[in-house]
Amino acid sequence: MIGMARVDDVDSVETDDAKKPASRGLTHINFGKIQQHLVGLTEEVRRIHKQSIVDKLRGFLFSADEEENLHAGQLTGRVLLPLLEERQAKGWIDALESDPAVLTPRIQLIHAALASRKKANFNVYRDLLIQASLPIYIGHVPPRNLQFAVQAYQRYLNRLIHFGKHK
């Protein structure tokens, strides 16, 4: 428990060069920030889902909100494209662009990303963990969604271990 509190308190491992020179690139191990990001995404999904068609169109045409643009790749699942063929994921991403609260395309996207044999950088596995956890944060907790979240978490930790070994 003490080790977990220390990891969550660290903003960036890169700022502590003197203590941990071997861990220079491990900036994404802060699980507290990942959880905060998930809560923000959940609120954004709920806000978009409650909007009327006119509000959605207005937001699409006149969007200047930096936070919304920051979450755009996460809301649509585009962050998983390095693990997938673009033509394979296009239909799912289009469905999520119209309504990010729709779960079927998100689950199919996550399933395809988990089944993929492609290798990607560390950030993509972090994004896979976020995508797999998002349906649970939205409130859909069937065993299949839990299984995908656990598999994504396992992949993320495996990449973290692999990254640590090769540093």
Protein backbone atom coordinates (compact mmCIF):
# COMPACT_ATOMS: atom_id res chain seq x y z
CA MET A 1 0.00 0.00 0.00
CA ILE A 2 2.88 2.35 0.77
CA GLY A 3 4.44 1.74 -2.65
CA MET A 4 1.15 2.48 -4.38
CA ALA A 5 0.80 5.83 -2.63
CA ARG A 6 4.30 6.82 -3.74
CA VAL A 7 3.60 5.97 -7.37
CA ASP A 8 0.35 7.97 -7.39
CA ASP A 9 2.05 11.01 -5.85
CA VAL A 10 4.65 11.22 -8.63
CA ASP A 11 3.67 13.58 -11.44
CA SER A 12 6.39 12.42 -13.76
CA VAL A 13 9.27 10.04 -13.30
CA GLU A 14 11.28 12.24 -15.64
CA THR A 15 11.46 15.07 -13.06
CA ASP A 16 13.44 12.91 -10.64
CA ASP A 17 16.54 12.26 -12.76
CA ALA A 18 18.95 11.96 -9.85
CA LYS A 19 17.04 9.19 -8.08
CA LYS A 20 15.88 7.01 -11.01
CA PRO A 21 17.91 7.46 -14.19
CA ALA A 22 16.88 4.01 -15.52
CA SER A 23 13.17 4.85 -15.32
CA ARG A 24 13.45 8.00 -17.42
CA GLY A 25 10.65 7.16 -19.87
CA LEU A 26 8.10 5.70 -17.46
CA THR A 27 5.75 8.67 -17.26
CA HIS A 28 2.52 6.69 -17.60
CA ILE A 29 2.55 4.55 -14.47
CA ASN A 30 0.48 7.00 -12.45
CA PHE A 31 -2.73 4.99 -12.10
CA GLY A 32 -4.39 7.83 -10.20
CA LYS A 33 -4.09 10.06 -13.26
CA ILE A 34 -5.40 7.28 -15.49
CA GLN A 35 -8.43 7.02 -13.21
CA GLN A 36 -8.94 10.80 -13.29
CA HIS A 37 -8.74 10.68 -17.08
CA LEU A 38 -11.36 7.92 -17.13
CA VAL A 39 -13.69 9.95 -14.90
CA GLY A 40 -13.29 12.95 -17.22
CA LEU A 41 -14.02 10.78 -20.27
CA THR A 42 -17.09 9.31 -18.57
CA GLU A 43 -18.44 12.78 -17.82
CA GLU A 44 -17.79 13.85 -21.42
CA VAL A 45 -19.57 10.75 -22.80
CA ARG A 46 -22.59 11.40 -20.58
CA ARG A 47 -22.65 15.09 -21.54
CA ILE A 48 -22.54 14.29 -25.26
CA HIS A 49 -25.14 11.54 -24.91
CA LYS A 50 -27.59 13.93 -23.21
CA GLN A 51 -27.21 16.64 -25.87
CA SER A 52 -29.92 17.26 -28.41
CA ILE A 53 -29.18 16.84 -32.11
CA VAL A 54 -29.00 20.62 -32.56
CA ASP A 55 -26.46 20.93 -29.73
CA LYS A 56 -24.37 18.09 -31.18
CA LEU A 57 -24.39 19.75 -34.60
CA ARG A 58 -23.49 23.13 -33.08
CA GLY A 59 -20.64 21.53 -31.12
CA PHE A 60 -19.41 19.78 -34.26
CA LEU A 61 -19.46 22.93 -36.39
CA PHE A 62 -18.16 25.45 -33.85
CA SER A 63 -15.95 23.34 -31.61
CA ALA A 64 -13.07 25.33 -30.16
CA ASP A 65 -12.91 23.64 -26.77
CA GLU A 66 -9.38 22.30 -26.22
CA GLU A 67 -10.53 19.73 -23.65
CA GLU A 68 -13.05 18.29 -26.09
CA ASN A 69 -10.35 18.04 -28.76
CA LEU A 70 -8.06 16.40 -26.20
CA HIS A 71 -10.65 13.68 -25.53
CA ALA A 72 -11.70 13.29 -29.18
CA GLY A 73 -9.34 10.39 -29.93
CA GLN A 74 -10.37 8.59 -26.75
CA LEU A 75 -14.08 9.15 -27.28
CA THR A 76 -14.01 7.77 -30.82
CA GLY A 77 -11.49 4.99 -30.19
CA ARG A 78 -9.06 6.37 -32.79
CA VAL A 79 -6.24 5.91 -30.29
CA LEU A 80 -6.39 2.15 -30.97
CA LEU A 81 -5.71 2.47 -34.71
CA PRO A 82 -2.02 1.45 -34.36
CA LEU A 83 -3.26 -2.00 -33.27
CA LEU A 84 -5.87 -2.33 -36.03
CA GLU A 85 -6.30 -2.05 -39.75
CA GLU A 86 -7.93 1.30 -40.47
CA ARG A 87 -10.54 -0.16 -42.82
CA GLN A 88 -11.45 -2.76 -40.18
CA ALA A 89 -12.03 -0.12 -37.50
CA LYS A 90 -13.66 2.56 -39.68
CA GLY A 91 -17.25 1.47 -39.07
CA TRP A 92 -16.78 1.25 -35.32
CA ILE A 93 -15.05 4.63 -35.15
CA ASP A 94 -17.78 6.24 -37.26
CA ALA A 95 -20.43 4.87 -34.90
CA LEU A 96 -18.53 6.21 -31.88
CA GLU A 97 -18.12 9.62 -33.52
CA SER A 98 -21.89 9.93 -33.78
CA ASP A 99 -22.49 8.78 -30.19
CA PRO A 100 -19.60 7.81 -27.89
CA ALA A 101 -22.04 6.24 -25.40
CA VAL A 102 -22.89 3.40 -27.82
CA LEU A 103 -21.17 0.35 -26.39
CA THR A 104 -21.39 -2.30 -29.11
CA PRO A 105 -18.88 -0.65 -31.48
CA ARG A 106 -16.56 0.22 -28.59
CA ILE A 107 -16.60 -3.39 -27.34
CA GLN A 108 -15.96 -4.68 -30.88
CA LEU A 109 -13.09 -2.21 -31.25
CA ILE A 110 -11.57 -3.31 -27.94
CA HIS A 111 -12.01 -6.98 -28.81
CA ALA A 112 -10.28 -6.50 -32.17
CA ALA A 113 -7.43 -4.56 -30.53
CA LEU A 114 -6.95 -7.30 -27.93
CA ALA A 115 -6.96 -9.96 -30.67
CA SER A 116 -4.42 -8.03 -32.74
CA ARG A 117 -0.88 -9.36 -32.99
CA LYS A 118 0.54 -5.96 -33.93
CA LYS A 119 3.07 -4.33 -31.65
CA ALA A 120 2.62 -0.70 -30.69
CA ASN A 121 4.27 1.83 -28.47
CA PHE A 122 3.64 2.03 -24.75
CA ASN A 123 1.05 4.83 -25.01
CA VAL A 124 -1.24 2.70 -27.19
CA TYR A 125 -1.44 0.03 -24.50
CA ARG A 126 -2.27 2.71 -21.94
CA ASP A 127 -5.03 3.91 -24.29
CA LEU A 128 -6.24 0.32 -24.70
CA LEU A 129 -6.54 0.08 -20.91
CA ILE A 130 -8.55 3.31 -20.87
CA GLN A 131 -10.81 2.17 -23.72
CA ALA A 132 -11.44 -1.20 -22.07
CA SER A 133 -12.25 0.45 -18.72
CA LEU A 134 -14.54 3.13 -20.15
CA PRO A 135 -17.65 0.90 -20.56
CA ILE A 136 -17.30 -0.10 -16.90
CA TYR A 137 -17.03 3.53 -15.83
CA ILE A 138 -20.11 4.33 -17.92
CA GLY A 139 -21.96 1.69 -15.92
CA HIS A 140 -22.03 -1.44 -18.07
CA VAL A 141 -20.35 -4.17 -16.04
CA PRO A 142 -21.15 -7.53 -17.64
CA PRO A 143 -18.48 -10.24 -17.33
CA ARG A 144 -17.31 -9.73 -20.91
CA ASN A 145 -16.47 -6.06 -20.29
CA LEU A 146 -14.66 -6.99 -17.08
CA GLN A 147 -12.70 -9.66 -18.94
CA PHE A 148 -11.62 -7.14 -21.61
CA ALA A 149 -10.57 -4.63 -18.94
CA VAL A 150 -8.50 -7.25 -17.13
CA GLN A 151 -6.87 -8.39 -20.38
CA ALA A 152 -6.04 -4.78 -21.31
CA TYR A 153 -4.63 -4.18 -17.82
CA GLN A 154 -2.50 -7.32 -18.17
CA ARG A 155 -1.19 -6.16 -21.56
CA TYR A 156 -0.41 -2.73 -20.14
CA LEU A 157 1.53 -4.22 -17.24
CA ASN A 158 3.36 -6.64 -19.56
CA ARG A 159 4.44 -3.73 -21.76
CA LEU A 160 5.51 -1.84 -18.64
CA ILE A 161 7.65 -4.79 -17.52
CA HIS A 162 9.04 -5.24 -21.04
CA PHE A 163 9.82 -1.53 -21.24
CA GLY A 164 11.55 -1.62 -17.86
CA LYS A 165 13.73 -4.58 -18.87
CA HIS A 166 14.96 -2.89 -22.04
CA LYS A 167 15.75 0.49 -20.48
